[in-house]
C-alpha cells in the first residue's frame, strides 16, 4: 500500500505530464522565440487554455514574460491593439507548436 507522500508525488508527476508533457519539452519551448514578438531568450510555456479549464501541453505557445503577462491580464481588444493578433489566433498556433514542430524536434534528437 502506498503512503500519502508517495501518492502525492505520483499525483504531482501526473499533473506535470498532463500540463507540460516533459521537462525536455518545457526546455524546448523556453529556447524558442516568443510567438508574438519574436524576442529570443527564455520564453514561457504559456497555456492558451487555462490549466483549470483543462488546458494541457497541447495548449502551450512560447511567449516572452511580458507577452505572457499581457495574454493573461489584458482584455481581447487591448491585447489585439498591442500585438496585432487576437488571443484566439494565438491559441490556434498551439497546435503548430505541438505538431509538427515538436514531432520534428523529437525526430532530430
PDB file of N, CA and C in Angstrom:
ATOM      1  N   UNK A   1       0.833  -1.180   0.000  1.00  0.00           N
ATOM      2  CA  UNK A   1       0.000   0.000   0.000  1.00  0.00           C
ATOM      3  C   UNK A   1       0.884   1.252   0.000  1.00  0.00           C
ATOM      4  N   UNK A   2       0.501   2.215  -0.809  1.00  0.00           N
ATOM      5  CA  UNK A   2       1.274   3.445  -0.919  1.00  0.00           C
ATOM      6  C   UNK A   2       0.925   4.400   0.218  1.00  0.00           C
ATOM      7  N   UNK A   3       1.956   5.110   0.657  1.00  0.00           N
ATOM      8  CA  UNK A   3       1.738   6.107   1.694  1.00  0.00           C
ATOM      9  C   UNK A   3       1.219   7.398   1.066  1.00  0.00           C
ATOM     10  N   UNK A   4       0.707   8.274   1.890  1.00  0.00           N
ATOM     11  CA  UNK A   4       0.198   9.556   1.386  1.00  0.00           C
ATOM     12  C   UNK A   4       1.277  10.356   0.651  1.00  0.00           C
ATOM     13  N   UNK A   5       2.504  10.469   1.188  1.00  0.00           N
ATOM     14  CA  UNK A   5       3.544  11.195   0.434  1.00  0.00           C
ATOM     15  C   UNK A   5       3.841  10.568  -0.931  1.00  0.00           C
ATOM     16  N   UNK A   6       3.810   9.248  -1.019  1.00  0.00           N
ATOM     17  CA  UNK A   6       4.049   8.586  -2.311  1.00  0.00           C
ATOM     18  C   UNK A   6       2.934   8.910  -3.297  1.00  0.00           C
ATOM     19  N   UNK A   7       1.695   8.885  -2.818  1.00  0.00           N
ATOM     20  CA  UNK A   7       0.559   9.219  -3.686  1.00  0.00           C
ATOM     21  C   UNK A   7       0.644  10.668  -4.153  1.00  0.00           C
ATOM     22  N   UNK A   8       1.048  11.561  -3.262  1.00  0.00           N
ATOM     23  CA  UNK A   8       1.181  12.982  -3.631  1.00  0.00           C
ATOM     24  C   UNK A   8       2.257  13.167  -4.693  1.00  0.00           C
ATOM     25  N   UNK A   9       3.383  12.468  -4.546  1.00  0.00           N
ATOM     26  CA  UNK A   9       4.451  12.573  -5.556  1.00  0.00           C
ATOM     27  C   UNK A   9       3.975  12.060  -6.911  1.00  0.00           C
ATOM     28  N   UNK A  10       3.264  10.946  -6.905  1.00  0.00           N
ATOM     29  CA  UNK A  10       2.737  10.391  -8.159  1.00  0.00           C
ATOM     30  C   UNK A  10       1.745  11.353  -8.793  1.00  0.00           C
ATOM     31  N   UNK A  11       0.862  11.908  -7.993  1.00  0.00           N
ATOM     32  CA  UNK A  11      -0.137  12.861  -8.500  1.00  0.00           C
ATOM     33  C   UNK A  11       0.546  14.088  -9.100  1.00  0.00           C
ATOM     34  N   UNK A  12       1.581  14.571  -8.430  1.00  0.00           N
ATOM     35  CA  UNK A  12       2.322  15.736  -8.925  1.00  0.00           C
ATOM     36  C   UNK A  12       2.981  15.428 -10.274  1.00  0.00           C
ATOM     37  N   UNK A  13       3.557  14.242 -10.416  1.00  0.00           N
ATOM     38  CA  UNK A  13       4.173  13.837 -11.684  1.00  0.00           C
ATOM     39  C   UNK A  13       3.127  13.728 -12.794  1.00  0.00           C
ATOM     40  N   UNK A  14       1.972  13.157 -12.471  1.00  0.00           N
ATOM     41  CA  UNK A  14       0.901  13.022 -13.459  1.00  0.00           C
ATOM     42  C   UNK A  14       0.398  14.390 -13.912  1.00  0.00           C
ATOM     43  N   UNK A  15       0.241  15.301 -12.963  1.00  0.00           N
ATOM     44  CA  UNK A  15      -0.224  16.646 -13.291  1.00  0.00           C
ATOM     45  C   UNK A  15       0.783  17.370 -14.178  1.00  0.00           C
ATOM     46  N   UNK A  16       2.062  17.254 -13.859  1.00  0.00           N
ATOM     47  CA  UNK A  16       3.106  17.872 -14.676  1.00  0.00           C
ATOM     48  C   UNK A  16       3.076  17.307 -16.091  1.00  0.00           C
ATOM     49  N   UNK A  17       2.973  15.995 -16.216  1.00  0.00           N
ATOM     50  CA  UNK A  17       2.954  15.354 -17.538  1.00  0.00           C
ATOM     51  C   UNK A  17       1.754  15.820 -18.354  1.00  0.00           C
ATOM     52  N   UNK A  18       0.602  15.963 -17.712  1.00  0.00           N
ATOM     53  CA  UNK A  18      -0.603  16.389 -18.436  1.00  0.00           C
ATOM     54  C   UNK A  18      -0.511  17.853 -18.857  1.00  0.00           C
ATOM     55  N   UNK A  19       0.068  18.704 -18.010  1.00  0.00           N
ATOM     56  CA  UNK A  19       0.066  20.128 -18.324  1.00  0.00           C
ATOM     57  C   UNK A  19       1.294  20.597 -19.095  1.00  0.00           C
ATOM     58  N   UNK A  20       2.428  19.885 -18.970  1.00  0.00           N
ATOM     59  CA  UNK A  20       3.649  20.324 -19.662  1.00  0.00           C
ATOM     60  C   UNK A  20       4.304  19.252 -20.523  1.00  0.00           C
ATOM     61  N   UNK A  21       3.877  18.019 -20.464  1.00  0.00           N
ATOM     62  CA  UNK A  21       4.407  16.873 -21.189  1.00  0.00           C
ATOM     63  C   UNK A  21       5.653  16.316 -20.523  1.00  0.00           C
ATOM     64  N   UNK A  22       6.761  17.062 -20.580  1.00  0.00           N
ATOM     65  CA  UNK A  22       8.016  16.579 -20.007  1.00  0.00           C
ATOM     66  C   UNK A  22       8.937  17.768 -19.778  1.00  0.00           C
ATOM     67  N   UNK A  23       9.960  17.556 -18.963  1.00  0.00           N
ATOM     68  CA  UNK A  23      10.934  18.627 -18.722  1.00  0.00           C
ATOM     69  C   UNK A  23      11.654  18.968 -20.023  1.00  0.00           C
ATOM     70  N   UNK A  24      11.892  17.970 -20.852  1.00  0.00           N
ATOM     71  CA  UNK A  24      12.543  18.201 -22.147  1.00  0.00           C
ATOM     72  C   UNK A  24      11.715  19.164 -23.007  1.00  0.00           C
ATOM     73  N   UNK A  25      10.403  18.968 -23.021  1.00  0.00           N
ATOM     74  CA  UNK A  25       9.540  19.840 -23.825  1.00  0.00           C
ATOM     75  C   UNK A  25       9.480  21.249 -23.230  1.00  0.00           C
ATOM     76  N   UNK A  26       9.464  21.363 -21.914  1.00  0.00           N
ATOM     77  CA  UNK A  26       9.483  22.677 -21.265  1.00  0.00           C
ATOM     78  C   UNK A  26      10.727  23.444 -21.700  1.00  0.00           C
ATOM     79  N   UNK A  27      11.865  22.792 -21.670  1.00  0.00           N
ATOM     80  CA  UNK A  27      13.121  23.434 -22.061  1.00  0.00           C
ATOM     81  C   UNK A  27      13.141  23.769 -23.547  1.00  0.00           C
ATOM     82  N   UNK A  28      12.562  22.906 -24.377  1.00  0.00           N
ATOM     83  CA  UNK A  28      12.497  23.167 -25.813  1.00  0.00           C
ATOM     84  C   UNK A  28      11.684  24.427 -26.081  1.00  0.00           C
ATOM     85  N   UNK A  29      10.530  24.560 -25.432  1.00  0.00           N
ATOM     86  CA  UNK A  29       9.696  25.759 -25.594  1.00  0.00           C
ATOM     87  C   UNK A  29      10.458  26.998 -25.129  1.00  0.00           C
ATOM     88  N   UNK A  30      11.168  26.899 -24.018  1.00  0.00           N
ATOM     89  CA  UNK A  30      11.938  28.039 -23.494  1.00  0.00           C
ATOM     90  C   UNK A  30      12.956  28.546 -24.499  1.00  0.00           C
ATOM     91  N   UNK A  31      13.494  27.646 -25.315  1.00  0.00           N
ATOM     92  CA  UNK A  31      14.515  28.027 -26.287  1.00  0.00           C
ATOM     93  C   UNK A  31      13.945  28.647 -27.557  1.00  0.00           C
ATOM     94  N   UNK A  32      12.636  28.567 -27.749  1.00  0.00           N
ATOM     95  CA  UNK A  32      12.014  29.125 -28.951  1.00  0.00           C
ATOM     96  C   UNK A  32      11.788  30.627 -28.784  1.00  0.00           C
ATOM     97  N   UNK A  33      11.750  31.380 -29.899  1.00  0.00           N
ATOM     98  CA  UNK A  33      11.422  32.807 -29.790  1.00  0.00           C
ATOM     99  C   UNK A  33       9.945  32.990 -29.435  1.00  0.00           C
ATOM    100  N   UNK A  34       9.632  34.115 -28.839  1.00  0.00           N
ATOM    101  CA  UNK A  34       8.253  34.446 -28.484  1.00  0.00           C
ATOM    102  C   UNK A  34       7.382  34.418 -29.743  1.00  0.00           C
ATOM    103  N   UNK A  35       6.229  33.777 -29.653  1.00  0.00           N
ATOM    104  CA  UNK A  35       5.320  33.647 -30.795  1.00  0.00           C
ATOM    105  C   UNK A  35       4.708  34.985 -31.205  1.00  0.00           C
ATOM    106  N   UNK A  36       4.732  35.972 -30.319  1.00  0.00           N
ATOM    107  CA  UNK A  36       4.144  37.276 -30.644  1.00  0.00           C
ATOM    108  C   UNK A  36       5.177  38.308 -31.047  1.00  0.00           C
ATOM    109  N   UNK A  37       6.277  38.358 -30.328  1.00  0.00           N
ATOM    110  CA  UNK A  37       7.246  39.434 -30.542  1.00  0.00           C
ATOM    111  C   UNK A  37       8.498  38.995 -31.265  1.00  0.00           C
ATOM    112  N   UNK A  38       8.746  37.688 -31.289  1.00  0.00           N
ATOM    113  CA  UNK A  38       9.965  37.171 -31.908  1.00  0.00           C
ATOM    114  C   UNK A  38      11.184  37.320 -31.017  1.00  0.00           C
ATOM    115  N   UNK A  39      11.001  37.862 -29.823  1.00  0.00           N
ATOM    116  CA  UNK A  39      12.115  38.031 -28.897  1.00  0.00           C
ATOM    117  C   UNK A  39      12.660  36.666 -28.532  1.00  0.00           C
ATOM    118  N   UNK A  40      13.972  36.543 -28.661  1.00  0.00           N
ATOM    119  CA  UNK A  40      14.611  35.286 -28.311  1.00  0.00           C
ATOM    120  C   UNK A  40      15.112  35.359 -26.885  1.00  0.00           C
ATOM    121  N   UNK A  41      15.190  34.248 -26.282  1.00  0.00           N
ATOM    122  CA  UNK A  41      15.615  34.185 -24.890  1.00  0.00           C
ATOM    123  C   UNK A  41      14.753  33.174 -24.191  1.00  0.00           C
ATOM    124  N   UNK A  42      14.506  33.399 -22.927  1.00  0.00           N
ATOM    125  CA  UNK A  42      13.722  32.425 -22.186  1.00  0.00           C
ATOM    126  C   UNK A  42      12.241  32.685 -22.326  1.00  0.00           C
ATOM    127  N   UNK A  43      11.630  31.975 -23.246  1.00  0.00           N
ATOM    128  CA  UNK A  43      10.186  32.062 -23.412  1.00  0.00           C
ATOM    129  C   UNK A  43       9.500  31.266 -22.316  1.00  0.00           C
ATOM    130  N   UNK A  44       8.313  31.703 -21.970  1.00  0.00           N
ATOM    131  CA  UNK A  44       7.495  30.973 -21.006  1.00  0.00           C
ATOM    132  C   UNK A  44       6.663  29.932 -21.737  1.00  0.00           C
ATOM    133  N   UNK A  45       6.345  28.860 -21.062  1.00  0.00           N
ATOM    134  CA  UNK A  45       5.406  27.853 -21.554  1.00  0.00           C
ATOM    135  C   UNK A  45       4.014  28.382 -21.225  1.00  0.00           C
ATOM    136  N   UNK A  46       3.453  29.181 -22.107  1.00  0.00           N
ATOM    137  CA  UNK A  46       2.188  29.866 -21.853  1.00  0.00           C
ATOM    138  C   UNK A  46       1.012  29.027 -22.330  1.00  0.00           C
ATOM    139  N   UNK A  47       0.123  28.722 -21.422  1.00  0.00           N
ATOM    140  CA  UNK A  47      -1.087  27.974 -21.778  1.00  0.00           C
ATOM    141  C   UNK A  47      -2.125  28.936 -22.353  1.00  0.00           C
ATOM    142  N   UNK A  48      -2.626  28.636 -23.548  1.00  0.00           N
ATOM    143  CA  UNK A  48      -3.671  29.460 -24.151  1.00  0.00           C
ATOM    144  C   UNK A  48      -5.048  29.036 -23.668  1.00  0.00           C
ATOM    145  N   UNK A  49      -5.122  27.908 -23.018  1.00  0.00           N
ATOM    146  CA  UNK A  49      -6.331  27.449 -22.328  1.00  0.00           C
ATOM    147  C   UNK A  49      -5.872  27.168 -20.906  1.00  0.00           C
ATOM    148  N   UNK A  50      -6.495  27.792 -19.943  1.00  0.00           N
ATOM    149  CA  UNK A  50      -6.009  27.661 -18.567  1.00  0.00           C
ATOM    150  C   UNK A  50      -5.999  26.210 -18.115  1.00  0.00           C
ATOM    151  N   UNK A  51      -5.051  25.907 -17.270  1.00  0.00           N
ATOM    152  CA  UNK A  51      -4.957  24.549 -16.748  1.00  0.00           C
ATOM    153  C   UNK A  51      -6.204  24.202 -15.950  1.00  0.00           C
ATOM    154  N   UNK A  52      -6.786  25.197 -15.289  1.00  0.00           N
ATOM    155  CA  UNK A  52      -8.015  24.970 -14.536  1.00  0.00           C
ATOM    156  C   UNK A  52      -9.191  24.619 -15.430  1.00  0.00           C
ATOM    157  N   UNK A  53      -9.135  25.039 -16.686  1.00  0.00           N
ATOM    158  CA  UNK A  53     -10.194  24.730 -17.654  1.00  0.00           C
ATOM    159  C   UNK A  53      -9.852  23.517 -18.506  1.00  0.00           C
ATOM    160  N   UNK A  54      -8.842  22.784 -18.095  1.00  0.00           N
ATOM    161  CA  UNK A  54      -8.473  21.574 -18.829  1.00  0.00           C
ATOM    162  C   UNK A  54      -7.350  21.763 -19.818  1.00  0.00           C
ATOM    163  N   UNK A  55      -6.643  22.880 -19.743  1.00  0.00           N
ATOM    164  CA  UNK A  55      -5.520  23.112 -20.644  1.00  0.00           C
ATOM    165  C   UNK A  55      -4.409  22.102 -20.413  1.00  0.00           C
ATOM    166  N   UNK A  56      -3.848  21.605 -21.485  1.00  0.00           N
ATOM    167  CA  UNK A  56      -2.764  20.619 -21.416  1.00  0.00           C
ATOM    168  C   UNK A  56      -1.579  21.157 -22.214  1.00  0.00           C
ATOM    169  N   UNK A  57      -0.582  20.323 -22.393  1.00  0.00           N
ATOM    170  CA  UNK A  57       0.581  20.729 -23.181  1.00  0.00           C
ATOM    171  C   UNK A  57       0.209  20.976 -24.642  1.00  0.00           C
ATOM    172  N   UNK A  58      -0.950  20.547 -25.074  1.00  0.00           N
ATOM    173  CA  UNK A  58      -1.416  20.828 -26.433  1.00  0.00           C
ATOM    174  C   UNK A  58      -1.803  22.305 -26.589  1.00  0.00           C
ATOM    175  N   UNK A  59      -1.940  23.021 -25.482  1.00  0.00           N
ATOM    176  CA  UNK A  59      -2.389  24.416 -25.490  1.00  0.00           C
ATOM    177  C   UNK A  59      -1.271  25.382 -25.119  1.00  0.00           C
ATOM    178  N   UNK A  60      -0.018  25.023 -25.378  1.00  0.00           N
ATOM    179  CA  UNK A  60       1.125  25.849 -24.998  1.00  0.00           C
ATOM    180  C   UNK A  60       1.736  26.529 -26.221  1.00  0.00           C
ATOM    181  N   UNK A  61       2.057  27.818 -26.051  1.00  0.00           N
ATOM    182  CA  UNK A  61       2.838  28.565 -27.037  1.00  0.00           C
ATOM    183  C   UNK A  61       3.977  29.260 -26.285  1.00  0.00           C
ATOM    184  N   UNK A  62       5.100  29.494 -26.955  1.00  0.00           N
ATOM    185  CA  UNK A  62       6.190  30.212 -26.299  1.00  0.00           C
ATOM    186  C   UNK A  62       5.899  31.718 -26.306  1.00  0.00           C
ATOM    187  N   UNK A  63       5.907  32.325 -25.136  1.00  0.00           N
ATOM    188  CA  UNK A  63       5.702  33.770 -25.014  1.00  0.00           C
ATOM    189  C   UNK A  63       6.747  34.353 -24.094  1.00  0.00           C
ATOM    190  N   UNK A  64       7.176  35.572 -24.408  1.00  0.00           N
ATOM    191  CA  UNK A  64       8.075  36.286 -23.505  1.00  0.00           C
ATOM    192  C   UNK A  64       7.327  36.573 -22.207  1.00  0.00           C
ATOM    193  N   UNK A  65       8.064  36.970 -21.187  1.00  0.00           N
ATOM    194  CA  UNK A  65       7.435  37.276 -19.904  1.00  0.00           C
ATOM    195  C   UNK A  65       6.324  38.304 -20.070  1.00  0.00           C
ATOM    196  N   UNK A  66       6.622  39.420 -20.773  1.00  0.00           N
ATOM    197  CA  UNK A  66       5.624  40.488 -20.921  1.00  0.00           C
ATOM    198  C   UNK A  66       4.429  40.049 -21.759  1.00  0.00           C
ATOM    199  N   UNK A  67       4.682  39.332 -22.837  1.00  0.00           N
ATOM    200  CA  UNK A  67       3.578  38.860 -23.678  1.00  0.00           C
ATOM    201  C   UNK A  67       2.702  37.869 -22.914  1.00  0.00           C
ATOM    202  N   UNK A  68       3.324  37.016 -22.099  1.00  0.00           N
ATOM    203  CA  UNK A  68       2.568  36.053 -21.297  1.00  0.00           C
ATOM    204  C   UNK A  68       1.695  36.791 -20.280  1.00  0.00           C
ATOM    205  N   UNK A  69       2.275  37.784 -19.621  1.00  0.00           N
ATOM    206  CA  UNK A  69       1.505  38.571 -18.654  1.00  0.00           C
ATOM    207  C   UNK A  69       0.335  39.263 -19.347  1.00  0.00           C
ATOM    208  N   UNK A  70       0.608  39.870 -20.504  1.00  0.00           N
ATOM    209  CA  UNK A  70      -0.463  40.560 -21.231  1.00  0.00           C
ATOM    210  C   UNK A  70      -1.548  39.586 -21.691  1.00  0.00           C
ATOM    211  N   UNK A  71      -1.148  38.393 -22.137  1.00  0.00           N
ATOM    212  CA  UNK A  71      -2.134  37.394 -22.563  1.00  0.00           C
ATOM    213  C   UNK A  71      -3.076  37.065 -21.408  1.00  0.00           C
ATOM    214  N   UNK A  72      -2.511  36.934 -20.226  1.00  0.00           N
ATOM    215  CA  UNK A  72      -3.315  36.567 -19.058  1.00  0.00           C
ATOM    216  C   UNK A  72      -4.140  37.727 -18.513  1.00  0.00           C
ATOM    217  N   UNK A  73      -3.652  38.963 -18.648  1.00  0.00           N
ATOM    218  CA  UNK A  73      -4.287  40.086 -17.962  1.00  0.00           C
ATOM    219  C   UNK A  73      -5.091  41.037 -18.845  1.00  0.00           C
ATOM    220  N   UNK A  74      -4.715  41.199 -20.100  1.00  0.00           N
ATOM    221  CA  UNK A  74      -5.404  42.167 -20.959  1.00  0.00           C
ATOM    222  C   UNK A  74      -6.692  41.591 -21.527  1.00  0.00           C
ATOM    223  N   UNK A  75      -7.639  42.474 -21.755  1.00  0.00           N
ATOM    224  CA  UNK A  75      -8.839  42.080 -22.466  1.00  0.00           C
ATOM    225  C   UNK A  75      -8.527  41.868 -23.938  1.00  0.00           C
ATOM    226  N   UNK A  76      -9.456  41.273 -24.652  1.00  0.00           N
ATOM    227  CA  UNK A  76      -9.245  40.935 -26.066  1.00  0.00           C
ATOM    228  C   UNK A  76      -8.876  42.156 -26.906  1.00  0.00           C
ATOM    229  N   UNK A  77      -9.615  43.250 -26.747  1.00  0.00           N
ATOM    230  CA  UNK A  77      -9.363  44.440 -27.576  1.00  0.00           C
ATOM    231  C   UNK A  77      -7.995  45.044 -27.297  1.00  0.00           C
ATOM    232  N   UNK A  78      -7.643  45.180 -26.023  1.00  0.00           N
ATOM    233  CA  UNK A  78      -6.333  45.743 -25.675  1.00  0.00           C
ATOM    234  C   UNK A  78      -5.200  44.843 -26.140  1.00  0.00           C
ATOM    235  N   UNK A  79      -5.393  43.542 -26.019  1.00  0.00           N
ATOM    236  CA  UNK A  79      -4.379  42.593 -26.462  1.00  0.00           C
ATOM    237  C   UNK A  79      -4.156  42.710 -27.965  1.00  0.00           C
ATOM    238  N   UNK A  80      -5.254  42.752 -28.715  1.00  0.00           N
ATOM    239  CA  UNK A  80      -5.136  42.866 -30.180  1.00  0.00           C
ATOM    240  C   UNK A  80      -4.509  44.185 -30.587  1.00  0.00           C
ATOM    241  N   UNK A  81      -4.865  45.275 -29.896  1.00  0.00           N
ATOM    242  CA  UNK A  81      -4.271  46.577 -30.208  1.00  0.00           C
ATOM    243  C   UNK A  81      -2.763  46.563 -29.958  1.00  0.00           C
ATOM    244  N   UNK A  82      -2.334  45.894 -28.914  1.00  0.00           N
ATOM    245  CA  UNK A  82      -0.910  45.869 -28.579  1.00  0.00           C
ATOM    246  C   UNK A  82      -0.110  44.956 -29.501  1.00  0.00           C
ATOM    247  N   UNK A  83      -0.670  43.796 -29.855  1.00  0.00           N
ATOM    248  CA  UNK A  83       0.112  42.791 -30.595  1.00  0.00           C
ATOM    249  C   UNK A  83      -0.346  42.559 -32.032  1.00  0.00           C
ATOM    250  N   UNK A  84      -1.469  43.156 -32.422  1.00  0.00           N
ATOM    251  CA  UNK A  84      -1.936  42.980 -33.793  1.00  0.00           C
ATOM    252  C   UNK A  84      -2.429  41.576 -34.090  1.00  0.00           C
ATOM    253  N   UNK A  85      -2.768  40.845 -33.057  1.00  0.00           N
ATOM    254  CA  UNK A  85      -3.245  39.469 -33.211  1.00  0.00           C
ATOM    255  C   UNK A  85      -4.229  39.185 -32.076  1.00  0.00           C
ATOM    256  N   UNK A  86      -5.267  38.449 -32.397  1.00  0.00           N
ATOM    257  CA  UNK A  86      -6.246  38.124 -31.356  1.00  0.00           C
ATOM    258  C   UNK A  86      -5.728  36.975 -30.492  1.00  0.00           C
ATOM    259  N   UNK A  87      -6.294  36.872 -29.304  1.00  0.00           N
ATOM    260  CA  UNK A  87      -5.948  35.747 -28.435  1.00  0.00           C
ATOM    261  C   UNK A  87      -6.364  34.440 -29.090  1.00  0.00           C
ATOM    262  N   UNK A  88      -7.486  34.458 -29.794  1.00  0.00           N
ATOM    263  CA  UNK A  88      -7.951  33.247 -30.478  1.00  0.00           C
ATOM    264  C   UNK A  88      -6.931  32.807 -31.527  1.00  0.00           C
ATOM    265  N   UNK A  89      -6.428  33.748 -32.313  1.00  0.00           N
ATOM    266  CA  UNK A  89      -5.447  33.413 -33.351  1.00  0.00           C
ATOM    267  C   UNK A  89      -4.175  32.837 -32.725  1.00  0.00           C
ATOM    268  N   UNK A  90      -3.757  33.420 -31.614  1.00  0.00           N
ATOM    269  CA  UNK A  90      -2.587  32.901 -30.930  1.00  0.00           C
ATOM    270  C   UNK A  90      -2.856  31.479 -30.424  1.00  0.00           C
ATOM    271  N   UNK A  91      -4.036  31.250 -29.902  1.00  0.00           N
ATOM    272  CA  UNK A  91      -4.384  29.924 -29.387  1.00  0.00           C
ATOM    273  C   UNK A  91      -4.346  28.872 -30.494  1.00  0.00           C
ATOM    274  N   UNK A  92      -4.692  29.256 -31.717  1.00  0.00           N
ATOM    275  CA  UNK A  92      -4.659  28.281 -32.815  1.00  0.00           C
ATOM    276  C   UNK A  92      -3.228  27.884 -33.165  1.00  0.00           C
ATOM    277  N   UNK A  93      -2.249  28.716 -32.789  1.00  0.00           N
ATOM    278  CA  UNK A  93      -0.852  28.372 -33.040  1.00  0.00           C
ATOM    279  C   UNK A  93      -0.353  27.242 -32.143  1.00  0.00           C
ATOM    280  N   UNK A  94      -1.039  27.011 -31.041  1.00  0.00           N
ATOM    281  CA  UNK A  94      -0.592  25.979 -30.105  1.00  0.00           C
ATOM    282  C   UNK A  94      -0.465  24.631 -30.799  1.00  0.00           C
ATOM    283  N   UNK A  95      -1.380  24.326 -31.704  1.00  0.00           N
ATOM    284  CA  UNK A  95      -1.291  23.064 -32.450  1.00  0.00           C
ATOM    285  C   UNK A  95       0.003  22.976 -33.230  1.00  0.00           C
ATOM    286  N   UNK A  96       0.423  24.099 -33.784  1.00  0.00           N
ATOM    287  CA  UNK A  96       1.653  24.149 -34.565  1.00  0.00           C
ATOM    288  C   UNK A  96       2.867  23.810 -33.696  1.00  0.00           C
ATOM    289  N   UNK A  97       2.853  24.299 -32.451  1.00  0.00           N
ATOM    290  CA  UNK A  97       3.983  24.033 -31.568  1.00  0.00           C
ATOM    291  C   UNK A  97       3.967  22.604 -31.037  1.00  0.00           C
ATOM    292  N   UNK A  98       2.802  21.990 -31.033  1.00  0.00           N
ATOM    293  CA  UNK A  98       2.784  20.597 -30.622  1.00  0.00           C
ATOM    294  C   UNK A  98       3.103  19.698 -31.808  1.00  0.00           C
ATOM    295  N   UNK A  99       2.393  19.919 -32.896  1.00  0.00           N
ATOM    296  CA  UNK A  99       2.639  19.183 -34.128  1.00  0.00           C
ATOM    297  C   UNK A  99       2.618  20.196 -35.252  1.00  0.00           C
ATOM    298  N   UNK A 100       3.519  20.274 -36.120  1.00  0.00           N
ATOM    299  CA  UNK A 100       4.600  19.326 -36.384  1.00  0.00           C
ATOM    300  C   UNK A 100       5.925  19.684 -35.705  1.00  0.00           C
ATOM    301  N   UNK A 101       6.055  20.875 -35.117  1.00  0.00           N
ATOM    302  CA  UNK A 101       7.362  21.298 -34.608  1.00  0.00           C
ATOM    303  C   UNK A 101       7.936  20.359 -33.548  1.00  0.00           C
ATOM    304  N   UNK A 102       7.134  19.994 -32.556  1.00  0.00           N
ATOM    305  CA  UNK A 102       7.635  19.113 -31.506  1.00  0.00           C
ATOM    306  C   UNK A 102       7.982  17.747 -32.071  1.00  0.00           C
ATOM    307  N   UNK A 103       7.141  17.235 -32.953  1.00  0.00           N
ATOM    308  CA  UNK A 103       7.407  15.927 -33.560  1.00  0.00           C
ATOM    309  C   UNK A 103       8.711  15.973 -34.363  1.00  0.00           C
ATOM    310  N   UNK A 104       8.930  17.060 -35.083  1.00  0.00           N
ATOM    311  CA  UNK A 104      10.150  17.213 -35.862  1.00  0.00           C
ATOM    312  C   UNK A 104      11.368  17.285 -34.932  1.00  0.00           C
ATOM    313  N   UNK A 105      11.229  18.024 -33.860  1.00  0.00           N
ATOM    314  CA  UNK A 105      12.318  18.114 -32.881  1.00  0.00           C
ATOM    315  C   UNK A 105      12.660  16.733 -32.335  1.00  0.00           C
ATOM    316  N   UNK A 106      11.650  15.942 -32.025  1.00  0.00           N
ATOM    317  CA  UNK A 106      11.871  14.614 -31.474  1.00  0.00           C
ATOM    318  C   UNK A 106      12.570  13.701 -32.482  1.00  0.00           C
ATOM    319  N   UNK A 107      12.246  13.840 -33.765  1.00  0.00           N
ATOM    320  CA  UNK A 107      12.877  13.012 -34.795  1.00  0.00           C
ATOM    321  C   UNK A 107      14.365  13.344 -34.920  1.00  0.00           C
ATOM    322  N   UNK A 108      14.691  14.631 -34.737  1.00  0.00           N
ATOM    323  CA  UNK A 108      16.079  15.083 -34.923  1.00  0.00           C
ATOM    324  C   UNK A 108      16.963  14.821 -33.721  1.00  0.00           C
ATOM    325  N   UNK A 109      16.396  14.397 -32.616  1.00  0.00           N
ATOM    326  CA  UNK A 109      17.217  14.092 -31.423  1.00  0.00           C
ATOM    327  C   UNK A 109      17.938  12.792 -31.538  1.00  0.00           C
TER     328      UNK A 109
END
